[in-house]
């Protein structure tokens, strides 16, 4: 079995429950540690290993972590598959020391790099859309970290209604298109709002 086939086995058989509870946001979620724990049965069975590598990138807007999750074949070390996540470090996060700010970004990046590698869909996960009680900072369903990382989400029906209100109050459709993946039908509905 080659590395692609081994990855396919993990992607199709992988199960990781959302066992952690965020009492502030009132939702269950899975962490990078939960994902790694769920991969352990596959490691020996398929003869693979999982590693995570982080690279700090300096940008004008602040530090960014590039997190790479790699699945390697234990027998053929030059055979591997990788996936990445790019996460901005919020240096203005209130109530956090600098190590906590980097740690939060690191945890988030690991979770999403692993999710990208193993095709874990967290679009229905509150952790992917929760604004932690800061609705004035949440724009049409995107989280602050996703906006900083440049991750676009599909425009949902709920977000479409908010987008219509935004456009009706003078907001730009281009701004919405820069932040969301929108269909031609959704764009037409937004244009009709003008």
N, C-alpha and C. Protein backbone atom coordinates (compact mmCIF):
# COMPACT_ATOMS: atom_id res chain seq x y z
N UNK A 1 0.85 -1.17 0.00
CA UNK A 1 0.00 0.00 0.00
C UNK A 1 0.90 1.24 0.00
N UNK A 2 0.65 2.18 -0.93
CA UNK A 2 1.48 3.38 -0.96
C UNK A 2 0.93 4.43 0.01
N UNK A 3 1.65 5.54 0.15
CA UNK A 3 1.28 6.56 1.15
C UNK A 3 -0.08 7.18 0.85
N UNK A 4 -0.42 7.33 -0.43
CA UNK A 4 -1.74 7.87 -0.79
C UNK A 4 -2.86 6.94 -0.33
N UNK A 5 -2.66 5.65 -0.54
CA UNK A 5 -3.66 4.67 -0.12
C UNK A 5 -3.78 4.63 1.40
N UNK A 6 -2.65 4.74 2.09
CA UNK A 6 -2.67 4.75 3.56
C UNK A 6 -3.42 5.97 4.08
N UNK A 7 -3.15 7.12 3.46
CA UNK A 7 -3.86 8.34 3.86
C UNK A 7 -5.36 8.21 3.60
N UNK A 8 -5.72 7.61 2.49
CA UNK A 8 -7.13 7.41 2.16
C UNK A 8 -7.82 6.54 3.21
N UNK A 9 -7.13 5.52 3.70
CA UNK A 9 -7.70 4.67 4.75
C UNK A 9 -7.99 5.52 5.99
N UNK A 10 -7.02 6.32 6.39
CA UNK A 10 -7.23 7.17 7.57
C UNK A 10 -8.37 8.16 7.33
N UNK A 11 -8.37 8.81 6.17
CA UNK A 11 -9.39 9.81 5.88
C UNK A 11 -10.80 9.22 5.88
N UNK A 12 -10.94 7.98 5.45
CA UNK A 12 -12.28 7.39 5.37
C UNK A 12 -12.70 6.68 6.66
N UNK A 13 -11.74 6.27 7.49
CA UNK A 13 -12.09 5.53 8.71
C UNK A 13 -11.91 6.36 9.98
N UNK A 14 -11.34 7.53 9.89
CA UNK A 14 -11.03 8.37 11.04
C UNK A 14 -12.29 8.78 11.79
N UNK A 15 -12.25 8.66 13.12
CA UNK A 15 -13.34 9.11 13.99
C UNK A 15 -12.72 9.81 15.19
N UNK A 16 -13.21 11.01 15.48
CA UNK A 16 -12.78 11.74 16.67
C UNK A 16 -13.96 12.55 17.17
N UNK A 17 -14.46 12.18 18.33
CA UNK A 17 -15.62 12.86 18.89
C UNK A 17 -15.21 14.21 19.48
N UNK A 18 -16.17 15.09 19.53
CA UNK A 18 -15.96 16.39 20.17
C UNK A 18 -16.26 16.20 21.66
N UNK A 19 -15.22 15.97 22.44
CA UNK A 19 -15.40 15.65 23.85
C UNK A 19 -15.08 16.81 24.77
N UNK A 20 -14.46 17.85 24.25
CA UNK A 20 -14.10 18.99 25.10
C UNK A 20 -15.23 20.01 25.05
N UNK A 21 -15.47 20.64 26.21
CA UNK A 21 -16.58 21.59 26.30
C UNK A 21 -16.05 22.98 26.62
N UNK A 22 -16.48 23.94 25.85
CA UNK A 22 -16.15 25.34 26.10
C UNK A 22 -17.31 25.92 26.88
N UNK A 23 -17.12 26.16 28.18
CA UNK A 23 -18.21 26.62 29.03
C UNK A 23 -18.58 28.07 28.73
N UNK A 24 -17.65 28.85 28.21
CA UNK A 24 -17.96 30.23 27.86
C UNK A 24 -18.86 30.29 26.62
N UNK A 25 -18.48 29.56 25.59
CA UNK A 25 -19.25 29.55 24.34
C UNK A 25 -20.37 28.52 24.32
N UNK A 26 -20.37 27.61 25.29
CA UNK A 26 -21.41 26.57 25.41
C UNK A 26 -21.45 25.65 24.20
N UNK A 27 -20.29 25.09 23.84
CA UNK A 27 -20.24 24.15 22.72
C UNK A 27 -19.15 23.11 22.96
N UNK A 28 -19.30 21.97 22.28
CA UNK A 28 -18.30 20.92 22.31
C UNK A 28 -17.37 21.08 21.11
N UNK A 29 -16.12 20.69 21.28
CA UNK A 29 -15.16 20.78 20.19
C UNK A 29 -14.11 19.69 20.34
N UNK A 30 -13.31 19.50 19.30
CA UNK A 30 -12.17 18.58 19.37
C UNK A 30 -10.91 19.41 19.25
N UNK A 31 -9.86 18.98 19.90
CA UNK A 31 -8.58 19.70 19.87
C UNK A 31 -7.59 18.93 18.99
N UNK A 32 -6.44 19.54 18.75
CA UNK A 32 -5.38 18.87 18.00
C UNK A 32 -4.98 17.58 18.73
N UNK A 33 -4.94 17.65 20.05
CA UNK A 33 -4.57 16.46 20.84
C UNK A 33 -5.58 15.33 20.64
N UNK A 34 -6.88 15.68 20.55
CA UNK A 34 -7.91 14.68 20.31
C UNK A 34 -7.73 14.03 18.94
N UNK A 35 -7.40 14.85 17.95
CA UNK A 35 -7.18 14.33 16.59
C UNK A 35 -5.98 13.40 16.58
N UNK A 36 -4.89 13.82 17.22
CA UNK A 36 -3.69 12.97 17.26
C UNK A 36 -3.96 11.65 17.99
N UNK A 37 -4.71 11.71 19.07
CA UNK A 37 -5.06 10.50 19.81
C UNK A 37 -5.87 9.54 18.93
N UNK A 38 -6.77 10.09 18.13
CA UNK A 38 -7.61 9.26 17.26
C UNK A 38 -6.81 8.65 16.11
N UNK A 39 -5.66 9.22 15.77
CA UNK A 39 -4.85 8.65 14.69
C UNK A 39 -3.97 7.49 15.17
N UNK A 40 -3.77 7.38 16.46
CA UNK A 40 -2.84 6.36 16.98
C UNK A 40 -3.14 4.93 16.53
N UNK A 41 -4.39 4.51 16.48
CA UNK A 41 -4.65 3.13 16.01
C UNK A 41 -4.16 2.88 14.57
N UNK A 42 -4.11 3.92 13.77
CA UNK A 42 -3.69 3.78 12.37
C UNK A 42 -2.16 3.72 12.22
N UNK A 43 -1.43 4.29 13.18
CA UNK A 43 0.02 4.41 13.03
C UNK A 43 0.70 3.06 12.88
N UNK A 44 0.46 2.17 13.82
CA UNK A 44 1.09 0.84 13.76
C UNK A 44 0.44 -0.02 12.67
N UNK A 45 -0.88 0.05 12.58
CA UNK A 45 -1.62 -0.75 11.61
C UNK A 45 -1.15 -0.48 10.18
N UNK A 46 -0.90 0.78 9.85
CA UNK A 46 -0.52 1.16 8.48
C UNK A 46 0.97 1.45 8.31
N UNK A 47 1.72 1.45 9.43
CA UNK A 47 3.15 1.74 9.34
C UNK A 47 3.43 3.18 8.92
N UNK A 48 2.76 4.12 9.60
CA UNK A 48 2.93 5.53 9.30
C UNK A 48 3.21 6.31 10.58
N UNK A 49 3.65 7.54 10.43
CA UNK A 49 3.82 8.43 11.57
C UNK A 49 3.28 9.80 11.20
N UNK A 50 2.91 10.56 12.22
CA UNK A 50 2.40 11.92 12.03
C UNK A 50 3.32 12.88 12.75
N UNK A 51 3.73 13.93 12.06
CA UNK A 51 4.54 14.98 12.68
C UNK A 51 3.91 16.34 12.36
N UNK A 52 4.22 17.30 13.23
CA UNK A 52 3.74 18.66 13.03
C UNK A 52 4.93 19.59 13.12
N UNK A 53 5.01 20.51 12.17
CA UNK A 53 6.11 21.48 12.14
C UNK A 53 5.51 22.88 12.03
N UNK A 54 6.05 23.81 12.82
CA UNK A 54 5.57 25.19 12.80
C UNK A 54 6.68 26.12 12.35
N UNK A 55 6.32 27.08 11.51
CA UNK A 55 7.26 28.09 11.06
C UNK A 55 6.66 29.46 11.36
N UNK A 56 7.45 30.31 12.01
CA UNK A 56 7.01 31.67 12.31
C UNK A 56 7.37 32.56 11.14
N UNK A 57 6.35 33.27 10.63
CA UNK A 57 6.54 34.17 9.50
C UNK A 57 6.22 35.58 9.99
N UNK A 58 7.10 36.50 9.71
CA UNK A 58 6.88 37.89 10.09
C UNK A 58 6.24 38.62 8.91
N UNK A 59 5.12 39.31 9.19
CA UNK A 59 4.44 40.08 8.16
C UNK A 59 4.24 41.50 8.68
N UNK A 60 3.85 42.40 7.81
CA UNK A 60 3.57 43.78 8.22
C UNK A 60 2.43 43.84 9.23
N UNK A 61 1.49 42.92 9.10
CA UNK A 61 0.32 42.92 9.98
C UNK A 61 0.57 42.18 11.29
N UNK A 62 1.74 41.57 11.44
CA UNK A 62 2.06 40.85 12.66
C UNK A 62 2.51 39.43 12.36
N UNK A 63 2.85 38.69 13.41
CA UNK A 63 3.36 37.34 13.21
C UNK A 63 2.27 36.37 12.73
N UNK A 64 2.72 35.44 11.91
CA UNK A 64 1.84 34.40 11.37
C UNK A 64 2.55 33.06 11.56
N UNK A 65 1.79 32.04 11.97
CA UNK A 65 2.34 30.69 12.07
C UNK A 65 1.88 29.87 10.87
N UNK A 66 2.85 29.25 10.21
CA UNK A 66 2.54 28.28 9.16
C UNK A 66 2.74 26.92 9.79
N UNK A 67 1.67 26.17 9.89
CA UNK A 67 1.71 24.87 10.55
C UNK A 67 1.54 23.78 9.49
N UNK A 68 2.46 22.81 9.49
CA UNK A 68 2.43 21.72 8.53
C UNK A 68 2.26 20.40 9.26
N UNK A 69 1.21 19.66 8.91
CA UNK A 69 1.00 18.31 9.45
C UNK A 69 1.42 17.33 8.35
N UNK A 70 2.26 16.36 8.72
CA UNK A 70 2.80 15.43 7.73
C UNK A 70 2.54 13.99 8.14
N UNK A 71 2.08 13.20 7.19
CA UNK A 71 1.92 11.76 7.37
C UNK A 71 3.04 11.11 6.58
N UNK A 72 3.92 10.36 7.27
CA UNK A 72 5.08 9.74 6.62
C UNK A 72 4.98 8.23 6.68
N UNK A 73 5.48 7.58 5.65
CA UNK A 73 5.56 6.12 5.60
C UNK A 73 6.77 5.70 6.42
N UNK A 74 6.59 4.82 7.39
CA UNK A 74 7.69 4.40 8.27
C UNK A 74 8.74 3.57 7.54
N UNK A 75 8.35 2.90 6.46
CA UNK A 75 9.30 2.06 5.72
C UNK A 75 10.00 2.82 4.61
N UNK A 76 9.30 3.75 4.00
CA UNK A 76 9.86 4.53 2.89
C UNK A 76 9.85 5.99 3.33
N UNK A 77 10.92 6.42 3.99
CA UNK A 77 10.96 7.73 4.63
C UNK A 77 10.80 8.89 3.67
N UNK A 78 11.05 8.69 2.38
CA UNK A 78 10.88 9.78 1.42
C UNK A 78 9.46 9.83 0.86
N UNK A 79 8.56 9.00 1.41
CA UNK A 79 7.17 9.00 0.98
C UNK A 79 6.34 9.64 2.08
N UNK A 80 5.73 10.77 1.78
CA UNK A 80 4.94 11.47 2.78
C UNK A 80 3.89 12.34 2.11
N UNK A 81 2.88 12.74 2.88
CA UNK A 81 1.83 13.66 2.44
C UNK A 81 1.71 14.73 3.51
N UNK A 82 1.55 15.98 3.10
CA UNK A 82 1.47 17.09 4.04
C UNK A 82 0.28 17.99 3.74
N UNK A 83 -0.14 18.70 4.77
CA UNK A 83 -1.17 19.73 4.63
C UNK A 83 -0.80 20.87 5.57
N UNK A 84 -1.21 22.08 5.20
CA UNK A 84 -0.83 23.24 5.98
C UNK A 84 -2.03 24.06 6.43
N UNK A 85 -1.79 24.85 7.45
CA UNK A 85 -2.74 25.87 7.89
C UNK A 85 -1.90 27.10 8.23
N UNK A 86 -2.42 28.25 7.92
CA UNK A 86 -1.73 29.50 8.21
C UNK A 86 -2.61 30.27 9.18
N UNK A 87 -2.04 30.67 10.31
CA UNK A 87 -2.81 31.31 11.37
C UNK A 87 -2.10 32.56 11.85
N UNK A 88 -2.83 33.65 11.91
CA UNK A 88 -2.29 34.88 12.47
C UNK A 88 -2.24 34.81 13.98
N UNK A 89 -1.23 35.43 14.57
CA UNK A 89 -1.11 35.50 16.03
C UNK A 89 -1.70 36.84 16.45
N UNK A 90 -2.75 36.81 17.25
CA UNK A 90 -3.41 38.04 17.70
C UNK A 90 -2.66 38.60 18.90
N UNK A 91 -1.82 39.59 18.66
CA UNK A 91 -1.02 40.19 19.74
C UNK A 91 -1.82 41.19 20.56
N UNK A 92 -3.05 41.45 20.15
CA UNK A 92 -3.90 42.38 20.88
C UNK A 92 -4.98 41.67 21.69
N UNK A 93 -4.87 40.35 21.80
CA UNK A 93 -5.88 39.56 22.53
C UNK A 93 -5.82 39.96 24.00
N UNK A 94 -6.91 40.53 24.49
CA UNK A 94 -6.95 40.99 25.88
C UNK A 94 -6.95 39.81 26.84
N UNK A 95 -6.27 40.00 27.95
CA UNK A 95 -6.25 38.99 29.00
C UNK A 95 -5.28 37.85 28.75
N UNK A 96 -4.44 37.98 27.73
CA UNK A 96 -3.48 36.92 27.41
C UNK A 96 -2.06 37.47 27.43
N UNK A 97 -1.17 36.70 28.01
CA UNK A 97 0.26 37.00 27.95
C UNK A 97 0.76 36.58 26.56
N UNK A 98 1.91 37.07 26.16
CA UNK A 98 2.47 36.76 24.83
C UNK A 98 2.58 35.25 24.59
N UNK A 99 3.10 34.45 25.55
CA UNK A 99 3.16 32.99 25.30
C UNK A 99 1.78 32.37 25.07
N UNK A 100 0.76 32.90 25.74
CA UNK A 100 -0.59 32.38 25.55
C UNK A 100 -1.12 32.74 24.16
N UNK A 101 -0.78 33.93 23.67
CA UNK A 101 -1.22 34.35 22.34
C UNK A 101 -0.63 33.44 21.28
N UNK A 102 0.67 33.13 21.41
CA UNK A 102 1.31 32.24 20.45
C UNK A 102 0.79 30.81 20.62
N UNK A 103 0.58 30.40 21.88
CA UNK A 103 0.08 29.05 22.15
C UNK A 103 -1.31 28.83 21.57
N UNK A 104 -2.18 29.84 21.69
CA UNK A 104 -3.53 29.74 21.14
C UNK A 104 -3.47 29.61 19.61
N UNK A 105 -2.64 30.42 18.98
CA UNK A 105 -2.49 30.35 17.52
C UNK A 105 -1.91 29.01 17.11
N UNK A 106 -0.95 28.52 17.88
CA UNK A 106 -0.32 27.23 17.59
C UNK A 106 -1.35 26.10 17.67
N UNK A 107 -2.13 26.07 18.73
CA UNK A 107 -3.16 25.03 18.89
C UNK A 107 -4.17 25.08 17.75
N UNK A 108 -4.60 26.27 17.42
CA UNK A 108 -5.57 26.46 16.33
C UNK A 108 -4.98 25.98 15.01
N UNK A 109 -3.73 26.37 14.74
CA UNK A 109 -3.07 25.97 13.50
C UNK A 109 -2.88 24.47 13.40
N UNK A 110 -2.48 23.83 14.50
CA UNK A 110 -2.30 22.37 14.50
C UNK A 110 -3.62 21.67 14.19
N UNK A 111 -4.68 22.14 14.85
CA UNK A 111 -6.00 21.52 14.64
C UNK A 111 -6.40 21.60 13.18
N UNK A 112 -6.21 22.75 12.56
CA UNK A 112 -6.65 22.91 11.18
C UNK A 112 -5.70 22.28 10.17
N UNK A 113 -4.41 22.22 10.47
CA UNK A 113 -3.50 21.49 9.58
C UNK A 113 -3.84 20.00 9.59
N UNK A 114 -4.08 19.46 10.78
CA UNK A 114 -4.48 18.05 10.88
C UNK A 114 -5.84 17.83 10.21
N UNK A 115 -6.74 18.76 10.40
CA UNK A 115 -8.05 18.68 9.76
C UNK A 115 -7.94 18.69 8.25
N UNK A 116 -7.02 19.51 7.73
CA UNK A 116 -6.80 19.54 6.28
C UNK A 116 -6.20 18.23 5.78
N UNK A 117 -5.27 17.67 6.54
CA UNK A 117 -4.63 16.42 6.14
C UNK A 117 -5.61 15.25 6.16
N UNK A 118 -6.40 15.16 7.22
CA UNK A 118 -7.30 14.01 7.40
C UNK A 118 -8.74 14.29 6.92
N UNK A 119 -8.96 15.43 6.28
CA UNK A 119 -10.27 15.81 5.74
C UNK A 119 -11.36 15.85 6.81
N UNK A 120 -11.04 16.48 7.93
CA UNK A 120 -12.02 16.62 9.01
C UNK A 120 -12.80 17.89 8.75
N UNK A 121 -14.11 17.76 8.60
CA UNK A 121 -14.96 18.90 8.32
C UNK A 121 -15.48 19.48 9.61
N UNK A 122 -15.03 20.69 9.95
CA UNK A 122 -15.50 21.36 11.16
C UNK A 122 -16.43 22.52 10.86
N UNK A 123 -17.03 22.55 9.68
CA UNK A 123 -17.89 23.68 9.35
C UNK A 123 -19.11 23.74 10.26
N UNK A 124 -19.54 22.61 10.78
CA UNK A 124 -20.67 22.62 11.70
C UNK A 124 -20.21 22.67 13.15
N UNK A 125 -18.90 22.78 13.36
CA UNK A 125 -18.32 22.84 14.70
C UNK A 125 -18.40 24.27 15.22
N UNK A 126 -18.96 24.45 16.40
CA UNK A 126 -19.06 25.79 16.96
C UNK A 126 -17.69 26.44 17.10
N UNK A 127 -16.65 25.63 17.27
CA UNK A 127 -15.31 26.20 17.38
C UNK A 127 -14.91 26.90 16.09
N UNK A 128 -15.49 26.48 14.97
CA UNK A 128 -15.15 27.09 13.69
C UNK A 128 -15.90 28.39 13.47
N UNK A 129 -17.02 28.59 14.17
CA UNK A 129 -17.82 29.78 13.92
C UNK A 129 -18.10 30.61 15.16
N UNK A 130 -17.71 30.15 16.34
CA UNK A 130 -18.01 30.85 17.57
C UNK A 130 -17.27 32.17 17.65
N UNK A 131 -17.96 33.21 18.11
CA UNK A 131 -17.30 34.51 18.25
C UNK A 131 -16.98 34.81 19.71
N UNK A 132 -17.20 33.85 20.60
CA UNK A 132 -16.88 33.98 22.03
C UNK A 132 -17.48 35.24 22.64
N UNK A 133 -18.74 35.51 22.24
CA UNK A 133 -19.45 36.63 22.84
C UNK A 133 -19.05 38.00 22.31
N UNK A 134 -18.28 38.05 21.26
CA UNK A 134 -17.81 39.33 20.73
C UNK A 134 -18.46 39.60 19.38
N UNK A 135 -19.78 39.71 19.36
CA UNK A 135 -20.49 39.83 18.09
C UNK A 135 -20.08 41.07 17.30
N UNK A 136 -19.63 42.14 17.97
CA UNK A 136 -19.24 43.31 17.20
C UNK A 136 -17.97 43.07 16.40
N UNK A 137 -17.18 42.06 16.76
CA UNK A 137 -15.96 41.74 16.02
C UNK A 137 -16.20 40.65 14.99
N UNK A 138 -17.35 40.03 15.03
CA UNK A 138 -17.67 38.96 14.09
C UNK A 138 -18.34 39.56 12.88
N UNK A 139 -17.83 39.26 11.72
CA UNK A 139 -18.42 39.80 10.51
C UNK A 139 -19.01 38.68 9.69
N UNK A 140 -20.30 38.65 9.63
CA UNK A 140 -21.02 37.73 8.75
C UNK A 140 -20.61 36.27 8.90
N UNK A 141 -20.22 35.84 10.09
CA UNK A 141 -19.94 34.43 10.35
C UNK A 141 -18.49 34.03 10.34
N UNK A 142 -17.56 34.87 9.94
CA UNK A 142 -16.14 34.51 9.96
C UNK A 142 -15.55 34.79 11.32
N UNK A 143 -14.64 33.93 11.77
CA UNK A 143 -13.95 34.21 13.02
C UNK A 143 -12.78 35.12 12.73
N UNK A 144 -12.32 35.81 13.76
CA UNK A 144 -11.21 36.75 13.61
C UNK A 144 -9.97 36.04 13.10
N UNK A 145 -9.67 34.86 13.63
CA UNK A 145 -8.47 34.14 13.20
C UNK A 145 -8.59 33.71 11.75
N UNK A 146 -9.79 33.31 11.32
CA UNK A 146 -9.96 32.91 9.93
C UNK A 146 -9.76 34.10 9.01
N UNK A 147 -10.25 35.27 9.40
CA UNK A 147 -10.05 36.45 8.57
C UNK A 147 -8.56 36.77 8.47
N UNK A 148 -7.84 36.71 9.60
CA UNK A 148 -6.40 37.00 9.58
C UNK A 148 -5.64 35.99 8.73
N UNK A 149 -6.10 34.74 8.75
CA UNK A 149 -5.41 33.70 7.99
C UNK A 149 -5.83 33.70 6.52
N UNK A 150 -6.83 34.52 6.18
CA UNK A 150 -7.27 34.59 4.79
C UNK A 150 -8.14 33.41 4.38
N UNK A 151 -8.74 32.72 5.36
CA UNK A 151 -9.58 31.57 5.07
C UNK A 151 -10.98 32.07 4.72
N UNK A 152 -11.49 31.68 3.56
CA UNK A 152 -12.84 32.07 3.16
C UNK A 152 -13.80 30.93 3.47
N UNK A 153 -14.97 31.30 3.97
CA UNK A 153 -16.03 30.33 4.20
C UNK A 153 -17.11 30.55 3.17
N UNK A 154 -17.93 29.53 2.94
CA UNK A 154 -19.08 29.69 2.05
C UNK A 154 -20.09 30.58 2.75
N UNK A 155 -20.77 31.38 1.98
CA UNK A 155 -21.79 32.27 2.51
C UNK A 155 -23.05 31.45 2.77
N UNK A 156 -23.39 31.27 4.04
CA UNK A 156 -24.57 30.49 4.42
C UNK A 156 -25.82 31.36 4.27
N UNK A 157 -27.00 30.75 4.40
CA UNK A 157 -28.25 31.50 4.32
C UNK A 157 -28.31 32.57 5.40
N UNK A 158 -27.89 32.22 6.63
CA UNK A 158 -27.89 33.19 7.72
C UNK A 158 -26.94 34.34 7.41
N UNK A 159 -25.76 34.00 6.93
CA UNK A 159 -24.78 35.03 6.58
C UNK A 159 -25.25 35.84 5.38
N UNK A 160 -25.99 35.23 4.46
CA UNK A 160 -26.51 35.94 3.30
C UNK A 160 -27.48 37.03 3.75
N UNK A 161 -28.33 36.72 4.73
CA UNK A 161 -29.26 37.73 5.25
C UNK A 161 -28.50 38.89 5.89
N UNK A 162 -27.44 38.58 6.62
CA UNK A 162 -26.62 39.64 7.22
C UNK A 162 -25.91 40.44 6.14
N UNK A 163 -25.48 39.74 5.09
CA UNK A 163 -24.80 40.42 3.98
C UNK A 163 -25.77 41.37 3.27
N UNK A 164 -27.03 40.94 3.10
CA UNK A 164 -28.03 41.81 2.48
C UNK A 164 -28.22 43.09 3.30
N UNK A 165 -28.31 42.94 4.63
CA UNK A 165 -28.43 44.10 5.51
C UNK A 165 -27.21 45.01 5.38
N UNK A 166 -26.05 44.40 5.32
CA UNK A 166 -24.80 45.14 5.18
C UNK A 166 -24.79 45.96 3.89
N UNK A 167 -25.18 45.33 2.78
CA UNK A 167 -25.21 46.01 1.49
C UNK A 167 -26.29 47.10 1.49
N UNK A 168 -27.43 46.80 2.08
CA UNK A 168 -28.53 47.78 2.14
C UNK A 168 -28.11 49.04 2.91
N UNK A 169 -27.19 48.90 3.85
CA UNK A 169 -26.72 50.04 4.64
C UNK A 169 -25.50 50.71 4.02
N UNK A 170 -25.19 50.34 2.77
CA UNK A 170 -24.10 50.99 2.06
C UNK A 170 -22.82 50.20 1.98
N UNK A 171 -22.82 48.97 2.49
CA UNK A 171 -21.62 48.12 2.42
C UNK A 171 -21.35 47.65 1.01
N UNK A 172 -20.12 47.27 0.76
CA UNK A 172 -19.68 46.86 -0.57
C UNK A 172 -19.81 45.36 -0.79
N UNK A 173 -20.34 44.98 -1.95
CA UNK A 173 -20.41 43.56 -2.32
C UNK A 173 -19.00 43.00 -2.47
N UNK A 174 -18.07 43.82 -2.96
CA UNK A 174 -16.68 43.38 -3.11
C UNK A 174 -16.08 42.98 -1.76
N UNK A 175 -16.41 43.71 -0.70
CA UNK A 175 -15.92 43.37 0.64
C UNK A 175 -16.40 41.98 1.03
N UNK A 176 -17.65 41.69 0.73
CA UNK A 176 -18.21 40.37 1.04
C UNK A 176 -17.51 39.30 0.20
N UNK A 177 -17.29 39.58 -1.08
CA UNK A 177 -16.63 38.62 -1.97
C UNK A 177 -15.18 38.36 -1.54
N UNK A 178 -14.54 39.35 -0.92
CA UNK A 178 -13.17 39.16 -0.44
C UNK A 178 -13.12 38.26 0.78
N UNK A 179 -14.24 38.14 1.49
CA UNK A 179 -14.25 37.36 2.73
C UNK A 179 -14.97 36.03 2.61
N UNK A 180 -15.83 35.91 1.60
CA UNK A 180 -16.66 34.71 1.48
C UNK A 180 -16.63 34.15 0.07
N UNK A 181 -16.88 32.86 -0.01
CA UNK A 181 -17.11 32.22 -1.29
C UNK A 181 -18.61 32.37 -1.54
N UNK A 182 -18.96 33.10 -2.60
CA UNK A 182 -20.38 33.30 -2.86
C UNK A 182 -20.73 32.80 -4.26
N UNK A 183 -21.91 32.25 -4.37
CA UNK A 183 -22.37 31.73 -5.66
C UNK A 183 -22.88 32.89 -6.52
N UNK A 184 -23.05 32.62 -7.81
CA UNK A 184 -23.58 33.63 -8.72
C UNK A 184 -25.00 34.04 -8.29
N UNK A 185 -25.77 33.08 -7.82
CA UNK A 185 -27.13 33.36 -7.37
C UNK A 185 -27.11 34.29 -6.15
N UNK A 186 -26.20 34.02 -5.20
CA UNK A 186 -26.09 34.87 -4.02
C UNK A 186 -25.65 36.28 -4.40
N UNK A 187 -24.71 36.37 -5.34
CA UNK A 187 -24.24 37.70 -5.78
C UNK A 187 -25.40 38.47 -6.43
N UNK A 188 -26.22 37.78 -7.21
CA UNK A 188 -27.37 38.42 -7.85
C UNK A 188 -28.35 38.94 -6.78
N UNK A 189 -28.58 38.13 -5.74
CA UNK A 189 -29.48 38.56 -4.64
C UNK A 189 -28.91 39.78 -3.93
N UNK A 190 -27.59 39.81 -3.75
CA UNK A 190 -26.97 40.97 -3.10
C UNK A 190 -27.08 42.20 -3.98
N UNK A 191 -26.89 42.02 -5.28
CA UNK A 191 -26.99 43.15 -6.22
C UNK A 191 -28.39 43.73 -6.23
N UNK A 192 -29.40 42.87 -6.08
CA UNK A 192 -30.79 43.34 -6.05
C UNK A 192 -31.09 44.16 -4.80
N UNK A 193 -30.25 44.01 -3.78
CA UNK A 193 -30.42 44.75 -2.53
C UNK A 193 -30.06 46.22 -2.70
N UNK A 194 -29.20 46.51 -3.68
CA UNK A 194 -28.74 47.90 -3.91
C UNK A 194 -29.87 48.83 -4.29
